[in-house]
Amino acid sequence: MSRRRHFHMDQAGHSITVNVRSGHTAEAEVLVDGKEVAVKQLHGSGTSLLCAELPEEPVRPFQVRIRLPRMGSGTPSCVLQLDGVEQAMPERAGP
């Protein structure tokens, strides 16, 4: 069974959204201002890292760290790292 989780922050004048689909085949996508900037297939439980950039001059790289718990043992978490600062991204209701 597939489940979708959505994490969102407004940061540095941009909207950053992370959509995580868990289940048999898990996948994460990162959106900046509504545009997909990174996507990754996630394998099993554990931590995955997605790298992307904010569309500025010069571009500002950032990372999103997603932790998937073992099946049935908790909820995913998402952390944004921008300019050397880590912030937990709050989960929000579906889009």
PDB file of N, CA and C in Angstrom:
ATOM      1  N   MET A   1       0.841  -1.179   0.000  1.00  0.00           N
ATOM      2  CA  MET A   1       0.000   0.000   0.000  1.00  0.00           C
ATOM      3  C   MET A   1       0.883   1.239   0.000  1.00  0.00           C
ATOM      4  N   SER A   2       0.568   2.180  -0.829  1.00  0.00           N
ATOM      5  CA  SER A   2       1.354   3.403  -0.964  1.00  0.00           C
ATOM      6  C   SER A   2       0.764   4.505  -0.094  1.00  0.00           C
ATOM      7  N   ARG A   3       1.646   5.311   0.469  1.00  0.00           N
ATOM      8  CA  ARG A   3       1.211   6.433   1.298  1.00  0.00           C
ATOM      9  C   ARG A   3       2.009   7.662   0.895  1.00  0.00           C
ATOM     10  N   ARG A   4       1.364   8.797   0.848  1.00  0.00           N
ATOM     11  CA  ARG A   4       2.039  10.045   0.467  1.00  0.00           C
ATOM     12  C   ARG A   4       2.145  10.963   1.676  1.00  0.00           C
ATOM     13  N   ARG A   5       3.304  11.586   1.797  1.00  0.00           N
ATOM     14  CA  ARG A   5       3.555  12.582   2.837  1.00  0.00           C
ATOM     15  C   ARG A   5       4.070  13.844   2.145  1.00  0.00           C
ATOM     16  N   HIS A   6       3.729  14.982   2.717  1.00  0.00           N
ATOM     17  CA  HIS A   6       4.106  16.263   2.125  1.00  0.00           C
ATOM     18  C   HIS A   6       4.743  17.133   3.200  1.00  0.00           C
ATOM     19  N   PHE A   7       5.913  17.676   2.904  1.00  0.00           N
ATOM     20  CA  PHE A   7       6.625  18.568   3.806  1.00  0.00           C
ATOM     21  C   PHE A   7       6.806  19.894   3.082  1.00  0.00           C
ATOM     22  N   HIS A   8       6.714  21.008   3.835  1.00  0.00           N
ATOM     23  CA  HIS A   8       6.769  22.311   3.164  1.00  0.00           C
ATOM     24  C   HIS A   8       7.372  23.375   4.080  1.00  0.00           C
ATOM     25  N   MET A   9       8.158  24.277   3.447  1.00  0.00           N
ATOM     26  CA  MET A   9       8.693  25.462   4.131  1.00  0.00           C
ATOM     27  C   MET A   9       8.788  26.595   3.132  1.00  0.00           C
ATOM     28  N   ASP A  10       8.587  27.796   3.622  1.00  0.00           N
ATOM     29  CA  ASP A  10       8.937  28.984   2.856  1.00  0.00           C
ATOM     30  C   ASP A  10      10.285  29.430   3.398  1.00  0.00           C
ATOM     31  N   GLN A  11      11.266  29.514   2.517  1.00  0.00           N
ATOM     32  CA  GLN A  11      12.630  29.797   2.952  1.00  0.00           C
ATOM     33  C   GLN A  11      13.324  30.661   1.911  1.00  0.00           C
ATOM     34  N   ALA A  12      13.986  31.715   2.357  1.00  0.00           N
ATOM     35  CA  ALA A  12      14.767  32.593   1.484  1.00  0.00           C
ATOM     36  C   ALA A  12      13.931  33.118   0.319  1.00  0.00           C
ATOM     37  N   GLY A  13      12.661  33.385   0.578  1.00  0.00           N
ATOM     38  CA  GLY A  13      11.779  33.922  -0.456  1.00  0.00           C
ATOM     39  C   GLY A  13      11.277  32.891  -1.453  1.00  0.00           C
ATOM     40  N   HIS A  14      11.478  31.613  -1.160  1.00  0.00           N
ATOM     41  CA  HIS A  14      11.051  30.538  -2.053  1.00  0.00           C
ATOM     42  C   HIS A  14      10.185  29.543  -1.297  1.00  0.00           C
ATOM     43  N   SER A  15       9.323  28.867  -2.035  1.00  0.00           N
ATOM     44  CA  SER A  15       8.501  27.798  -1.505  1.00  0.00           C
ATOM     45  C   SER A  15       9.222  26.482  -1.781  1.00  0.00           C
ATOM     46  N   ILE A  16       9.524  25.711  -0.739  1.00  0.00           N
ATOM     47  CA  ILE A  16      10.208  24.432  -0.889  1.00  0.00           C
ATOM     48  C   ILE A  16       9.283  23.338  -0.374  1.00  0.00           C
ATOM     49  N   THR A  17       8.967  22.386  -1.248  1.00  0.00           N
ATOM     50  CA  THR A  17       8.060  21.290  -0.916  1.00  0.00           C
ATOM     51  C   THR A  17       8.751  19.965  -1.198  1.00  0.00           C
ATOM     52  N   VAL A  18       8.578  19.014  -0.301  1.00  0.00           N
ATOM     53  CA  VAL A  18       9.093  17.666  -0.505  1.00  0.00           C
ATOM     54  C   VAL A  18       7.913  16.708  -0.412  1.00  0.00           C
ATOM     55  N   ASN A  19       7.706  15.936  -1.470  1.00  0.00           N
ATOM     56  CA  ASN A  19       6.657  14.927  -1.501  1.00  0.00           C
ATOM     57  C   ASN A  19       7.319  13.562  -1.415  1.00  0.00           C
ATOM     58  N   VAL A  20       6.882  12.752  -0.456  1.00  0.00           N
ATOM     59  CA  VAL A  20       7.445  11.420  -0.262  1.00  0.00           C
ATOM     60  C   VAL A  20       6.329  10.404  -0.444  1.00  0.00           C
ATOM     61  N   ARG A  21       6.557   9.468  -1.350  1.00  0.00           N
ATOM     62  CA  ARG A  21       5.610   8.372  -1.547  1.00  0.00           C
ATOM     63  C   ARG A  21       6.286   7.108  -1.048  1.00  0.00           C
ATOM     64  N   SER A  22       5.723   6.520  -0.014  1.00  0.00           N
ATOM     65  CA  SER A  22       6.291   5.289   0.531  1.00  0.00           C
ATOM     66  C   SER A  22       5.446   4.112   0.087  1.00  0.00           C
ATOM     67  N   GLY A  23       5.960   2.939   0.279  1.00  0.00           N
ATOM     68  CA  GLY A  23       5.286   1.721  -0.133  1.00  0.00           C
ATOM     69  C   GLY A  23       6.297   0.780  -0.739  1.00  0.00           C
ATOM     70  N   HIS A  24       5.850  -0.104  -1.610  1.00  0.00           N
ATOM     71  CA  HIS A  24       6.768  -1.071  -2.234  1.00  0.00           C
ATOM     72  C   HIS A  24       7.892  -0.352  -2.976  1.00  0.00           C
ATOM     73  N   THR A  25       7.557   0.663  -3.752  1.00  0.00           N
ATOM     74  CA  THR A  25       8.547   1.501  -4.421  1.00  0.00           C
ATOM     75  C   THR A  25       8.390   2.916  -3.874  1.00  0.00           C
ATOM     76  N   ALA A  26       9.362   3.361  -3.096  1.00  0.00           N
ATOM     77  CA  ALA A  26       9.286   4.693  -2.492  1.00  0.00           C
ATOM     78  C   ALA A  26      10.011   5.696  -3.388  1.00  0.00           C
ATOM     79  N   GLU A  27       9.507   6.928  -3.384  1.00  0.00           N
ATOM     80  CA  GLU A  27      10.091   7.977  -4.213  1.00  0.00           C
ATOM     81  C   GLU A  27       9.917   9.317  -3.514  1.00  0.00           C
ATOM     82  N   ALA A  28      10.875  10.204  -3.721  1.00  0.00           N
ATOM     83  CA  ALA A  28      10.781  11.560  -3.170  1.00  0.00           C
ATOM     84  C   ALA A  28      11.021  12.558  -4.289  1.00  0.00           C
ATOM     85  N   GLU A  29      10.293  13.668  -4.228  1.00  0.00           N
ATOM     86  CA  GLU A  29      10.528  14.755  -5.178  1.00  0.00           C
ATOM     87  C   GLU A  29      10.619  16.059  -4.409  1.00  0.00           C
ATOM     88  N   VAL A  30      11.484  16.944  -4.889  1.00  0.00           N
ATOM     89  CA  VAL A  30      11.659  18.263  -4.293  1.00  0.00           C
ATOM     90  C   VAL A  30      11.168  19.295  -5.304  1.00  0.00           C
ATOM     91  N   LEU A  31      10.305  20.193  -4.828  1.00  0.00           N
ATOM     92  CA  LEU A  31       9.784  21.275  -5.664  1.00  0.00           C
ATOM     93  C   LEU A  31      10.227  22.602  -5.077  1.00  0.00           C
ATOM     94  N   VAL A  32      10.682  23.499  -5.937  1.00  0.00           N
ATOM     95  CA  VAL A  32      10.982  24.871  -5.535  1.00  0.00           C
ATOM     96  C   VAL A  32      10.070  25.775  -6.347  1.00  0.00           C
ATOM     97  N   ASP A  33       9.271  26.561  -5.650  1.00  0.00           N
ATOM     98  CA  ASP A  33       8.300  27.451  -6.290  1.00  0.00           C
ATOM     99  C   ASP A  33       7.412  26.678  -7.267  1.00  0.00           C
ATOM    100  N   GLY A  34       7.058  25.436  -6.887  1.00  0.00           N
ATOM    101  CA  GLY A  34       6.160  24.613  -7.690  1.00  0.00           C
ATOM    102  C   GLY A  34       6.818  23.861  -8.827  1.00  0.00           C
ATOM    103  N   LYS A  35       8.116  24.024  -9.027  1.00  0.00           N
ATOM    104  CA  LYS A  35       8.827  23.360 -10.124  1.00  0.00           C
ATOM    105  C   LYS A  35       9.696  22.234  -9.566  1.00  0.00           C
ATOM    106  N   GLU A  36       9.582  21.048 -10.172  1.00  0.00           N
ATOM    107  CA  GLU A  36      10.383  19.904  -9.731  1.00  0.00           C
ATOM    108  C   GLU A  36      11.865  20.170 -10.012  1.00  0.00           C
ATOM    109  N   VAL A  37      12.686  20.042  -8.956  1.00  0.00           N
ATOM    110  CA  VAL A  37      14.121  20.278  -9.110  1.00  0.00           C
ATOM    111  C   VAL A  37      14.956  19.055  -8.756  1.00  0.00           C
ATOM    112  N   ALA A  38      14.363  18.057  -8.121  1.00  0.00           N
ATOM    113  CA  ALA A  38      15.080  16.820  -7.795  1.00  0.00           C
ATOM    114  C   ALA A  38      14.070  15.711  -7.567  1.00  0.00           C
ATOM    115  N   VAL A  39      14.451  14.506  -7.947  1.00  0.00           N
ATOM    116  CA  VAL A  39      13.615  13.329  -7.705  1.00  0.00           C
ATOM    117  C   VAL A  39      14.550  12.150  -7.471  1.00  0.00           C
ATOM    118  N   LYS A  40      14.140  11.253  -6.587  1.00  0.00           N
ATOM    119  CA  LYS A  40      14.992  10.111  -6.264  1.00  0.00           C
ATOM    120  C   LYS A  40      14.135   8.952  -5.819  1.00  0.00           C
ATOM    121  N   GLN A  41      14.488   7.765  -6.297  1.00  0.00           N
ATOM    122  CA  GLN A  41      13.836   6.554  -5.814  1.00  0.00           C
ATOM    123  C   GLN A  41      14.502   6.185  -4.500  1.00  0.00           C
ATOM    124  N   LEU A  42      13.708   5.896  -3.484  1.00  0.00           N
ATOM    125  CA  LEU A  42      14.209   5.576  -2.156  1.00  0.00           C
ATOM    126  C   LEU A  42      14.165   4.071  -1.971  1.00  0.00           C
ATOM    127  N   HIS A  43      15.210   3.527  -1.376  1.00  0.00           N
ATOM    128  CA  HIS A  43      15.316   2.077  -1.223  1.00  0.00           C
ATOM    129  C   HIS A  43      15.282   1.697   0.250  1.00  0.00           C
ATOM    130  N   GLY A  44      14.186   1.090   0.675  1.00  0.00           N
ATOM    131  CA  GLY A  44      14.063   0.612   2.042  1.00  0.00           C
ATOM    132  C   GLY A  44      14.045   1.724   3.070  1.00  0.00           C
ATOM    133  N   SER A  45      14.247   1.332   4.322  1.00  0.00           N
ATOM    134  CA  SER A  45      14.280   2.322   5.399  1.00  0.00           C
ATOM    135  C   SER A  45      15.666   2.937   5.446  1.00  0.00           C
ATOM    136  N   GLY A  46      15.789   3.995   6.216  1.00  0.00           N
ATOM    137  CA  GLY A  46      17.071   4.672   6.350  1.00  0.00           C
ATOM    138  C   GLY A  46      16.982   6.104   5.855  1.00  0.00           C
ATOM    139  N   THR A  47      18.153   6.695   5.613  1.00  0.00           N
ATOM    140  CA  THR A  47      18.232   8.106   5.253  1.00  0.00           C
ATOM    141  C   THR A  47      18.677   8.265   3.810  1.00  0.00           C
ATOM    142  N   SER A  48      18.012   9.177   3.103  1.00  0.00           N
ATOM    143  CA  SER A  48      18.368   9.513   1.723  1.00  0.00           C
ATOM    144  C   SER A  48      18.605  11.004   1.632  1.00  0.00           C
ATOM    145  N   LEU A  49      19.499  11.399   0.737  1.00  0.00           N
ATOM    146  CA  LEU A  49      19.862  12.799   0.559  1.00  0.00           C
ATOM    147  C   LEU A  49      19.543  13.227  -0.864  1.00  0.00           C
ATOM    148  N   LEU A  50      18.833  14.336  -0.993  1.00  0.00           N
ATOM    149  CA  LEU A  50      18.560  14.926  -2.299  1.00  0.00           C
ATOM    150  C   LEU A  50      19.201  16.300  -2.334  1.00  0.00           C
ATOM    151  N   CYS A  51      19.875  16.607  -3.423  1.00  0.00           N
ATOM    152  CA  CYS A  51      20.539  17.902  -3.592  1.00  0.00           C
ATOM    153  C   CYS A  51      19.811  18.696  -4.668  1.00  0.00           C
ATOM    154  N   ALA A  52      19.676  19.993  -4.432  1.00  0.00           N
ATOM    155  CA  ALA A  52      18.999  20.865  -5.383  1.00  0.00           C
ATOM    156  C   ALA A  52      19.561  22.275  -5.228  1.00  0.00           C
ATOM    157  N   GLU A  53      19.007  23.214  -5.989  1.00  0.00           N
ATOM    158  CA  GLU A  53      19.459  24.603  -5.939  1.00  0.00           C
ATOM    159  C   GLU A  53      18.265  25.542  -5.962  1.00  0.00           C
ATOM    160  N   LEU A  54      18.407  26.662  -5.257  1.00  0.00           N
ATOM    161  CA  LEU A  54      17.418  27.733  -5.363  1.00  0.00           C
ATOM    162  C   LEU A  54      17.766  28.549  -6.602  1.00  0.00           C
ATOM    163  N   PRO A  55      16.757  28.938  -7.384  1.00  0.00           N
ATOM    164  CA  PRO A  55      16.999  29.642  -8.641  1.00  0.00           C
ATOM    165  C   PRO A  55      17.308  31.121  -8.416  1.00  0.00           C
ATOM    166  N   GLU A  56      18.517  31.402  -8.011  1.00  0.00           N
ATOM    167  CA  GLU A  56      18.965  32.772  -7.766  1.00  0.00           C
ATOM    168  C   GLU A  56      20.270  32.988  -8.521  1.00  0.00           C
ATOM    169  N   GLU A  57      20.740  34.194  -8.537  1.00  0.00           N
ATOM    170  CA  GLU A  57      22.056  34.513  -9.117  1.00  0.00           C
ATOM    171  C   GLU A  57      22.949  35.005  -8.008  1.00  0.00           C
ATOM    172  N   PRO A  58      23.970  34.298  -7.616  1.00  0.00           N
ATOM    173  CA  PRO A  58      24.275  32.945  -8.066  1.00  0.00           C
ATOM    174  C   PRO A  58      23.326  31.948  -7.407  1.00  0.00           C
ATOM    175  N   VAL A  59      23.240  30.745  -7.981  1.00  0.00           N
ATOM    176  CA  VAL A  59      22.346  29.729  -7.418  1.00  0.00           C
ATOM    177  C   VAL A  59      22.794  29.380  -6.000  1.00  0.00           C
ATOM    178  N   ARG A  60      21.817  29.002  -5.169  1.00  0.00           N
ATOM    179  CA  ARG A  60      22.109  28.599  -3.780  1.00  0.00           C
ATOM    180  C   ARG A  60      21.787  27.125  -3.621  1.00  0.00           C
ATOM    181  N   PRO A  61      22.813  26.303  -3.466  1.00  0.00           N
ATOM    182  CA  PRO A  61      22.554  24.876  -3.292  1.00  0.00           C
ATOM    183  C   PRO A  61      21.954  24.587  -1.914  1.00  0.00           C
ATOM    184  N   PHE A  62      21.149  23.552  -1.858  1.00  0.00           N
ATOM    185  CA  PHE A  62      20.619  23.077  -0.579  1.00  0.00           C
ATOM    186  C   PHE A  62      20.465  21.572  -0.649  1.00  0.00           C
ATOM    187  N   GLN A  63      20.261  20.972   0.506  1.00  0.00           N
ATOM    188  CA  GLN A  63      20.068  19.532   0.595  1.00  0.00           C
ATOM    189  C   GLN A  63      18.816  19.243   1.416  1.00  0.00           C
ATOM    190  N   VAL A  64      18.192  18.143   1.082  1.00  0.00           N
ATOM    191  CA  VAL A  64      17.049  17.651   1.840  1.00  0.00           C
ATOM    192  C   VAL A  64      17.386  16.229   2.278  1.00  0.00           C
ATOM    193  N   ARG A  65      17.293  15.980   3.573  1.00  0.00           N
ATOM    194  CA  ARG A  65      17.563  14.657   4.123  1.00  0.00           C
ATOM    195  C   ARG A  65      16.228  14.043   4.562  1.00  0.00           C
ATOM    196  N   ILE A  66      15.925  12.896   3.983  1.00  0.00           N
ATOM    197  CA  ILE A  66      14.670  12.206   4.270  1.00  0.00           C
ATOM    198  C   ILE A  66      14.983  10.914   5.009  1.00  0.00           C
ATOM    199  N   ARG A  67      14.304  10.719   6.126  1.00  0.00           N
ATOM    200  CA  ARG A  67      14.471   9.474   6.876  1.00  0.00           C
ATOM    201  C   ARG A  67      13.177   8.682   6.791  1.00  0.00           C
ATOM    202  N   LEU A  68      13.302   7.482   6.236  1.00  0.00           N
ATOM    203  CA  LEU A  68      12.161   6.574   6.176  1.00  0.00           C
ATOM    204  C   LEU A  68      12.332   5.528   7.263  1.00  0.00           C
ATOM    205  N   PRO A  69      11.346   5.383   8.131  1.00  0.00           N
ATOM    206  CA  PRO A  69      11.420   4.347   9.173  1.00  0.00           C
ATOM    207  C   PRO A  69      11.168   2.972   8.571  1.00  0.00           C
ATOM    208  N   ARG A  70      11.461   1.958   9.354  1.00  0.00           N
ATOM    209  CA  ARG A  70      11.118   0.606   8.923  1.00  0.00           C
ATOM    210  C   ARG A  70       9.612   0.488   8.780  1.00  0.00           C
ATOM    211  N   MET A  71       9.191  -0.355   7.882  1.00  0.00           N
ATOM    212  CA  MET A  71       7.771  -0.524   7.568  1.00  0.00           C
ATOM    213  C   MET A  71       6.936  -0.650   8.834  1.00  0.00           C
ATOM    214  N   GLY A  72       5.979   0.258   9.015  1.00  0.00           N
ATOM    215  CA  GLY A  72       5.042   0.202  10.120  1.00  0.00           C
ATOM    216  C   GLY A  72       5.588   0.654  11.461  1.00  0.00           C
ATOM    217  N   SER A  73       6.798   1.268  11.496  1.00  0.00           N
ATOM    218  CA  SER A  73       7.381   1.609  12.797  1.00  0.00           C
ATOM    219  C   SER A  73       7.500   3.109  13.043  1.00  0.00           C
ATOM    220  N   GLY A  74       6.822   3.929  12.286  1.00  0.00           N
ATOM    221  CA  GLY A  74       6.905   5.369  12.521  1.00  0.00           C
ATOM    222  C   GLY A  74       6.568   6.146  11.264  1.00  0.00           C
ATOM    223  N   THR A  75       6.866   7.431  11.304  1.00  0.00           N
ATOM    224  CA  THR A  75       6.563   8.286  10.168  1.00  0.00           C
ATOM    225  C   THR A  75       7.861   8.853   9.589  1.00  0.00           C
ATOM    226  N   PRO A  76       7.873   9.182   8.295  1.00  0.00           N
ATOM    227  CA  PRO A  76       9.060   9.781   7.684  1.00  0.00           C
ATOM    228  C   PRO A  76       9.329  11.159   8.281  1.00  0.00           C
ATOM    229  N   SER A  77      10.580  11.579   8.192  1.00  0.00           N
ATOM    230  CA  SER A  77      10.933  12.941   8.586  1.00  0.00           C
ATOM    231  C   SER A  77      11.771  13.560   7.482  1.00  0.00           C
ATOM    232  N   CYS A  78      11.795  14.876   7.459  1.00  0.00           N
ATOM    233  CA  CYS A  78      12.465  15.600   6.392  1.00  0.00           C
ATOM    234  C   CYS A  78      13.187  16.803   6.999  1.00  0.00           C
ATOM    235  N   VAL A  79      14.472  16.975   6.647  1.00  0.00           N
ATOM    236  CA  VAL A  79      15.283  18.080   7.158  1.00  0.00           C
ATOM    237  C   VAL A  79      15.873  18.851   5.986  1.00  0.00           C
ATOM    238  N   LEU A  80      15.742  20.158   6.006  1.00  0.00           N
ATOM    239  CA  LEU A  80      16.316  21.040   4.987  1.00  0.00           C
ATOM    240  C   LEU A  80      17.627  21.606   5.504  1.00  0.00           C
ATOM    241  N   GLN A  81      18.665  21.541   4.681  1.00  0.00           N
ATOM    242  CA  GLN A  81      19.936  22.182   5.018  1.00  0.00           C
ATOM    243  C   GLN A  81      20.223  23.242   3.955  1.00  0.00           C
ATOM    244  N   LEU A  82      20.217  24.497   4.381  1.00  0.00           N
ATOM    245  CA  LEU A  82      20.454  25.639   3.505  1.00  0.00           C
ATOM    246  C   LEU A  82      21.403  26.591   4.200  1.00  0.00           C
ATOM    247  N   ASP A  83      22.453  26.979   3.520  1.00  0.00           N
ATOM    248  CA  ASP A  83      23.454  27.897   4.082  1.00  0.00           C
ATOM    249  C   ASP A  83      24.024  27.380   5.399  1.00  0.00           C
ATOM    250  N   GLY A  84      24.211  26.061   5.497  1.00  0.00           N
ATOM    251  CA  GLY A  84      24.807  25.457   6.685  1.00  0.00           C
ATOM    252  C   GLY A  84      23.884  25.322   7.880  1.00  0.00           C
ATOM    253  N   VAL A  85      22.614  25.681   7.712  1.00  0.00           N
ATOM    254  CA  VAL A  85      21.638  25.603   8.802  1.00  0.00           C
ATOM    255  C   VAL A  85      20.650  24.487   8.495  1.00  0.00           C
ATOM    256  N   GLU A  86      20.440  23.590   9.464  1.00  0.00           N
ATOM    257  CA  GLU A  86      19.473  22.511   9.314  1.00  0.00           C
ATOM    258  C   GLU A  86      18.176  22.875  10.020  1.00  0.00           C
ATOM    259  N   GLN A  87      17.055  22.618   9.327  1.00  0.00           N
ATOM    260  CA  GLN A  87      15.734  22.872   9.905  1.00  0.00           C
ATOM    261  C   GLN A  87      14.812  21.714   9.553  1.00  0.00           C
ATOM    262  N   ALA A  88      14.102  21.216  10.552  1.00  0.00           N
ATOM    263  CA  ALA A  88      13.100  20.185  10.293  1.00  0.00           C
ATOM    264  C   ALA A  88      11.971  20.801   9.487  1.00  0.00           C
ATOM    265  N   MET A  89      11.579  20.118   8.435  1.00  0.00           N
ATOM    266  CA  MET A  89      10.476  20.601   7.606  1.00  0.00           C
ATOM    267  C   MET A  89       9.167  20.058   8.182  1.00  0.00           C
ATOM    268  N   PRO A  90       8.203  20.922   8.425  1.00  0.00           N
ATOM    269  CA  PRO A  90       6.927  20.454   8.960  1.00  0.00           C
ATOM    270  C   PRO A  90       6.119  19.699   7.913  1.00  0.00           C
ATOM    271  N   GLU A  91       5.424  18.676   8.395  1.00  0.00           N
ATOM    272  CA  GLU A  91       4.541  17.928   7.513  1.00  0.00           C
ATOM    273  C   GLU A  91       3.245  18.718   7.355  1.00  0.00           C
ATOM    274  N   ARG A  92       2.676  18.648   6.188  1.00  0.00           N
ATOM    275  CA  ARG A  92       1.397  19.339   5.964  1.00  0.00           C
ATOM    276  C   ARG A  92       0.415  18.362   5.346  1.00  0.00           C
ATOM    277  N   ALA A  93      -0.838  18.757   5.363  1.00  0.00           N
ATOM    278  CA  ALA A  93      -1.877  17.932   4.752  1.00  0.00           C
ATOM    279  C   ALA A  93      -1.626  17.878   3.251  1.00  0.00           C
ATOM    280  N   GLY A  94      -2.240  16.935   2.569  1.00  0.00           N
ATOM    281  CA  GLY A  94      -2.055  16.746   1.125  1.00  0.00           C
ATOM    282  C   GLY A  94      -2.192  18.031   0.335  1.00  0.00           C
ATOM    283  N   PRO A  95      -1.655  18.006  -0.905  1.00  0.00           N
ATOM    284  CA  PRO A  95      -1.650  19.218  -1.738  1.00  0.00           C
ATOM    285  C   PRO A  95      -3.029  19.730  -2.093  1.00  0.00           C
TER     286      PRO A  95
END
